[in-house]
Amino acid sequence: MVKAVLGRNNGLSANINKNNAGAQQVSVQTPTINSVNTFKSLSDVNASTLNDGALIQYDAATEKFITKTEISTETGTITFNGGSF
């Protein structure tokens, strides 16, 4: 039996039961994560107009979230529904 543990502080330990037949070696690789550090670096976000008070709005034409400092409509109707809390 092989038991390997990767701790939160990158500590790595492995225990090998010497009574088992076969290989007595453990090879462990620390996983890597590609992380995004900022909202505007996401591929589906266009934050070119990022000013104080900007709002996030989805733009179906570009299939991206955009930041805007004003809310306008071409249909003449604006409805806000923030859900129930």
Protein backbone atom coordinates (compact mmCIF):
# COMPACT_ATOMS: atom_id res chain seq x y z
CA MET A 1 0.00 0.00 0.00
CA VAL A 2 1.24 3.47 -0.89
CA LYS A 3 -0.11 6.58 0.77
CA ALA A 4 1.04 10.04 -0.34
CA VAL A 5 -0.14 13.31 1.18
CA LEU A 6 0.42 16.81 -0.15
CA GLY A 7 -0.01 19.37 2.63
CA ARG A 8 -1.21 22.95 2.39
CA ASN A 9 2.29 24.35 2.84
CA ASN A 10 3.68 22.24 -0.02
CA GLY A 11 4.79 19.61 2.48
CA LEU A 12 4.94 16.18 0.89
CA SER A 13 5.08 12.84 2.66
CA ALA A 14 4.77 9.26 1.44
CA ASN A 15 4.47 5.98 3.34
CA ILE A 16 5.21 2.65 1.69
CA ASN A 17 4.13 -0.58 3.34
CA LYS A 18 7.30 -2.70 3.21
CA ASN A 19 5.28 -5.94 3.32
CA ASN A 20 3.89 -5.35 -0.19
CA ALA A 21 5.65 -7.01 -3.10
CA GLY A 22 6.62 -4.89 -6.05
CA ALA A 23 8.07 -1.45 -6.49
CA GLN A 24 8.94 0.49 -3.36
CA GLN A 25 9.14 3.96 -4.91
CA VAL A 26 6.72 6.87 -4.95
CA SER A 27 6.79 9.66 -7.50
CA VAL A 28 4.51 12.63 -6.79
CA GLN A 29 4.08 15.71 -8.91
CA THR A 30 2.67 18.93 -7.47
CA PRO A 31 -0.32 20.04 -9.59
CA THR A 32 -0.21 23.46 -11.15
CA ILE A 33 -3.17 25.74 -11.74
CA ASN A 34 -3.39 28.47 -14.34
CA SER A 35 -5.19 31.18 -12.47
CA VAL A 36 -6.71 34.44 -13.60
CA ASN A 37 -5.79 37.29 -11.31
CA THR A 38 -8.22 39.98 -12.44
CA PHE A 39 -11.80 40.21 -13.65
CA LYS A 40 -10.82 42.13 -16.78
CA SER A 41 -8.33 39.44 -17.84
CA LEU A 42 -11.12 36.88 -18.34
CA SER A 43 -11.65 35.97 -21.99
CA ASP A 44 -15.41 36.68 -21.90
CA VAL A 45 -15.09 40.17 -20.38
CA ASN A 46 -14.59 43.47 -22.18
CA ALA A 47 -13.64 45.95 -19.45
CA SER A 48 -12.31 48.68 -21.74
CA THR A 49 -14.64 51.22 -20.08
CA LEU A 50 -13.63 50.62 -16.48
CA ASN A 51 -14.45 53.74 -14.46
CA ASP A 52 -15.72 54.39 -10.94
CA GLY A 53 -19.31 53.21 -10.64
CA ALA A 54 -19.15 51.00 -13.74
CA LEU A 55 -21.73 48.22 -14.00
CA ILE A 56 -21.38 44.79 -15.57
CA GLN A 57 -23.80 43.95 -18.38
CA TYR A 58 -23.95 40.96 -20.72
CA ASP A 59 -23.79 41.78 -24.44
CA ALA A 60 -25.37 38.96 -26.46
CA ALA A 61 -24.02 40.36 -29.75
CA THR A 62 -20.39 39.91 -28.64
CA GLU A 63 -21.12 37.11 -26.15
CA LYS A 64 -19.10 39.00 -23.55
CA PHE A 65 -19.69 40.82 -20.32
CA ILE A 66 -19.05 44.54 -20.71
CA THR A 67 -18.57 47.36 -18.24
CA LYS A 68 -20.67 50.48 -18.65
CA THR A 69 -21.06 53.70 -16.72
CA GLU A 70 -24.64 54.26 -17.89
CA ILE A 71 -27.59 52.06 -18.63
CA SER A 72 -29.42 52.64 -21.88
CA THR A 73 -31.80 50.68 -24.07
CA GLU A 74 -32.91 50.72 -27.66
CA THR A 75 -36.25 49.05 -26.85
CA GLY A 76 -37.50 51.80 -24.52
CA THR A 77 -37.92 49.47 -21.54
CA ILE A 78 -35.43 48.89 -18.74
CA THR A 79 -36.32 46.35 -16.07
CA PHE A 80 -34.20 45.70 -12.99
CA ASN A 81 -34.72 42.45 -11.14
CA GLY A 82 -32.16 41.79 -8.43
CA GLY A 83 -33.87 38.65 -7.15
CA SER A 84 -35.09 37.87 -3.66
CA PHE A 85 -32.83 38.11 -0.64
